[in-house]
Amino acid sequence: MNIDDARHLQALIRTIPDFPSPGIQFRDVMPLLADAHGFARALEALAEDIAPHSIDMVAAIEARGFLLGGAIAQRLGCGLLPVRKPGKLPGPNHGIDYALEYGSDRLEMQVGSVKPGARVLVIDDLIATGGTALACGELIARAGGHVAGFRFLIDLPDLGGAARLAARGWDARSLLRY
């Protein structure tokens, strides 16, 4: 992605102070998604270094990851794996609890949704401390899948999430850094 595209995308993201709790600087990607050119360019940039059909699934993390994951999966010619908060998926589910920068949470995916050895790319809007992304990667690994990498619109490098993924041996790339 060239510098002009990066500046355009960054201009479309607004910062909301003290959301969802005091001290958090929330990076709101909704204006970027509402901009047809910005949204299209972000999708292109997220997928530009990945060969079509080189992965088997895109894992999209609830909820903003869903907005990106389906489009990326379609571009790459692969399936979509929704990774959700508890109680949202029918049937038996794999689950994992994890820590956030402002609390704790849980992710789940349906049993049997990842075939053993499947190459899975994880998509989300933002990486902060990396707790959510690490939990998603662990779910995929426990199900027998291979984490092919992570893609984010935004990285907050001061919070160390991408470094935590790298320490686990997983590639993480982001379009923008704050």
Protein backbone atom coordinates (compact mmCIF):
# COMPACT_ATOMS: atom_id res chain seq x y z
CA MET A 1 0.00 0.00 0.00
CA ASN A 2 1.41 3.38 -0.92
CA ILE A 3 1.76 6.30 1.48
CA ASP A 4 -1.15 8.25 -0.03
CA ASP A 5 -3.51 5.29 0.46
CA ALA A 6 -2.29 4.85 4.03
CA ARG A 7 -2.89 8.55 4.77
CA HIS A 8 -6.37 8.33 3.23
CA LEU A 9 -7.25 5.29 5.34
CA GLN A 10 -5.85 6.85 8.51
CA ALA A 11 -7.89 10.02 7.90
CA LEU A 12 -11.04 7.87 7.80
CA ILE A 13 -10.44 6.37 11.26
CA ARG A 14 -11.59 8.44 14.20
CA THR A 15 -10.38 8.26 17.77
CA ILE A 16 -12.95 8.16 20.56
CA PRO A 17 -11.41 8.83 23.98
CA ASP A 18 -12.44 6.86 27.08
CA PHE A 19 -14.38 4.16 25.21
CA PRO A 20 -15.30 1.51 26.27
CA SER A 21 -13.68 2.51 29.56
CA PRO A 22 -11.64 5.45 30.91
CA GLY A 23 -8.13 5.68 29.49
CA ILE A 24 -8.87 3.69 26.31
CA GLN A 25 -8.42 5.48 22.97
CA PHE A 26 -10.89 3.59 20.75
CA ARG A 27 -9.99 3.53 17.05
CA ASP A 28 -13.33 3.62 15.23
CA VAL A 29 -13.09 2.01 11.78
CA MET A 30 -16.77 2.54 10.90
CA PRO A 31 -16.12 5.75 8.90
CA LEU A 32 -13.52 3.84 6.86
CA LEU A 33 -16.03 1.06 6.17
CA ALA A 34 -18.61 3.65 5.12
CA ASP A 35 -16.23 5.12 2.52
CA ALA A 36 -16.44 3.00 -0.65
CA HIS A 37 -12.94 3.84 -1.89
CA GLY A 38 -11.36 3.50 1.56
CA PHE A 39 -13.08 0.19 2.28
CA ALA A 40 -12.10 -1.24 -1.13
CA ARG A 41 -8.49 -0.10 -0.74
CA ALA A 42 -8.26 -1.54 2.77
CA LEU A 43 -9.53 -4.91 1.53
CA GLU A 44 -7.07 -4.90 -1.37
CA ALA A 45 -4.18 -4.06 0.94
CA LEU A 46 -5.13 -6.73 3.50
CA ALA A 47 -5.10 -9.40 0.78
CA GLU A 48 -2.40 -8.10 -1.58
CA ASP A 49 0.46 -10.35 -0.47
CA ILE A 50 -1.61 -13.55 -0.27
CA ALA A 51 -2.01 -15.73 -3.36
CA PRO A 52 -5.61 -16.77 -4.11
CA HIS A 53 -6.31 -20.33 -2.99
CA SER A 54 -3.12 -20.42 -0.86
CA ILE A 55 -5.16 -20.63 2.31
CA ASP A 56 -8.21 -22.73 3.14
CA MET A 57 -10.14 -20.43 5.45
CA VAL A 58 -10.30 -16.91 6.79
CA ALA A 59 -11.09 -16.78 10.51
CA ALA A 60 -13.01 -13.58 11.22
CA ILE A 61 -13.12 -12.44 14.84
CA GLU A 62 -16.41 -11.03 16.15
CA ALA A 63 -17.58 -8.45 15.43
CA ARG A 64 -15.66 -6.01 13.27
CA GLY A 65 -13.54 -8.85 11.90
CA PHE A 66 -16.73 -10.18 10.28
CA LEU A 67 -16.99 -6.98 8.23
CA LEU A 68 -13.56 -7.64 6.73
CA GLY A 69 -13.29 -11.43 6.81
CA GLY A 70 -16.09 -12.31 4.42
CA ALA A 71 -14.79 -9.96 1.76
CA ILE A 72 -11.21 -11.20 2.19
CA ALA A 73 -12.33 -14.85 2.00
CA GLN A 74 -14.20 -14.14 -1.23
CA ARG A 75 -11.15 -12.40 -2.72
CA LEU A 76 -8.89 -15.31 -1.77
CA GLY A 77 -11.29 -18.03 -2.94
CA CYS A 78 -11.62 -19.73 0.43
CA GLY A 79 -14.10 -20.42 3.21
CA LEU A 80 -15.01 -18.22 6.17
CA LEU A 81 -14.72 -19.28 9.81
CA PRO A 82 -16.68 -17.05 12.21
CA VAL A 83 -15.02 -16.91 15.64
CA ARG A 84 -17.62 -15.66 18.09
CA LYS A 85 -18.36 -14.62 21.64
CA PRO A 86 -19.98 -17.29 23.87
CA GLY A 87 -23.53 -18.43 23.24
CA LYS A 88 -23.70 -17.29 19.60
CA LEU A 89 -22.98 -20.55 17.78
CA PRO A 90 -25.23 -23.64 17.78
CA GLY A 91 -23.96 -27.14 18.45
CA PRO A 92 -20.82 -28.21 20.23
CA ASN A 93 -18.10 -25.55 20.29
CA HIS A 94 -14.43 -25.22 21.14
CA GLY A 95 -13.84 -22.29 23.49
CA ILE A 96 -11.01 -20.39 25.13
CA ASP A 97 -10.94 -17.67 27.80
CA TYR A 98 -8.46 -14.80 27.44
CA ALA A 99 -7.44 -11.46 28.92
CA LEU A 100 -8.12 -8.07 27.33
CA GLU A 101 -6.42 -4.77 28.09
CA TYR A 102 -9.60 -3.80 30.00
CA GLY A 103 -11.03 -7.12 31.27
CA SER A 104 -11.49 -10.71 30.09
CA ASP A 105 -13.56 -12.50 27.48
CA ARG A 106 -14.09 -15.80 25.67
CA LEU A 107 -14.05 -16.90 22.02
CA GLU A 108 -15.70 -19.95 20.48
CA MET A 109 -15.87 -21.74 17.17
CA GLN A 110 -17.91 -24.74 16.10
CA VAL A 111 -16.40 -28.21 16.52
CA GLY A 112 -15.51 -29.58 13.07
CA SER A 113 -15.32 -26.17 11.39
CA VAL A 114 -11.56 -26.48 10.83
CA LYS A 115 -10.27 -29.55 9.04
CA PRO A 116 -6.94 -30.93 10.31
CA GLY A 117 -4.08 -29.20 8.53
CA ALA A 118 -6.26 -26.40 7.14
CA ARG A 119 -4.34 -23.19 6.50
CA VAL A 120 -6.22 -20.40 8.27
CA LEU A 121 -5.66 -16.64 7.97
CA VAL A 122 -7.01 -14.63 10.92
CA ILE A 123 -8.60 -11.22 10.25
CA ASP A 124 -9.61 -8.50 12.69
CA ASP A 125 -9.84 -4.74 12.67
CA LEU A 126 -7.27 -4.03 15.38
CA ILE A 127 -4.56 -5.62 17.50
CA ALA A 128 -3.77 -4.13 20.90
CA THR A 129 -2.38 -6.45 23.60
CA GLY A 130 -2.97 -9.46 21.34
CA GLY A 131 -5.18 -11.41 23.75
CA THR A 132 -8.05 -11.86 21.30
CA ALA A 133 -5.77 -12.75 18.39
CA LEU A 134 -3.74 -15.21 20.47
CA ALA A 135 -6.93 -16.87 21.70
CA CYS A 136 -8.19 -17.22 18.12
CA GLY A 137 -4.89 -18.71 16.98
CA GLU A 138 -4.91 -21.16 19.87
CA LEU A 139 -8.47 -22.26 19.01
CA ILE A 140 -7.41 -22.91 15.43
CA ALA A 141 -4.31 -24.84 16.54
CA ARG A 142 -6.30 -26.93 19.04
CA ALA A 143 -8.70 -27.87 16.25
CA GLY A 144 -5.77 -29.12 14.15
CA GLY A 145 -5.53 -26.11 11.84
CA HIS A 146 -2.39 -24.25 10.83
CA VAL A 147 -2.36 -20.49 11.49
CA ALA A 148 -1.20 -19.02 8.19
CA GLY A 149 -0.93 -15.50 9.62
CA PHE A 150 -2.86 -12.52 10.92
CA ARG A 151 -4.01 -9.36 9.17
CA PHE A 152 -5.29 -6.22 10.91
CA LEU A 153 -6.32 -2.77 9.79
CA ILE A 154 -4.68 -1.23 12.86
CA ASP A 155 -1.81 -2.12 15.19
CA LEU A 156 -1.25 -0.40 18.53
CA PRO A 157 2.44 -1.40 18.79
CA ASP A 158 2.98 0.16 22.23
CA LEU A 159 0.61 -2.49 23.64
CA GLY A 160 2.74 -5.34 22.24
CA GLY A 161 0.15 -7.58 20.59
CA ALA A 162 1.97 -8.12 17.31
CA ALA A 163 5.16 -8.91 19.23
CA ARG A 164 3.25 -11.52 21.27
CA LEU A 165 2.05 -13.15 18.04
CA ALA A 166 5.60 -13.10 16.65
CA ALA A 167 6.89 -14.72 19.86
CA ARG A 168 4.39 -17.52 19.22
CA GLY A 169 5.84 -17.89 15.70
CA TRP A 170 2.89 -16.28 13.91
CA ASP A 171 3.18 -13.61 11.23
CA ALA A 172 1.10 -10.49 11.90
CA ARG A 173 0.73 -7.59 9.50
CA SER A 174 -1.23 -4.37 9.84
CA LEU A 175 -2.05 -1.55 7.46
CA LEU A 176 -1.81 1.28 10.00
CA ARG A 177 -0.09 1.94 13.34
CA TYR A 178 -1.07 4.29 16.12
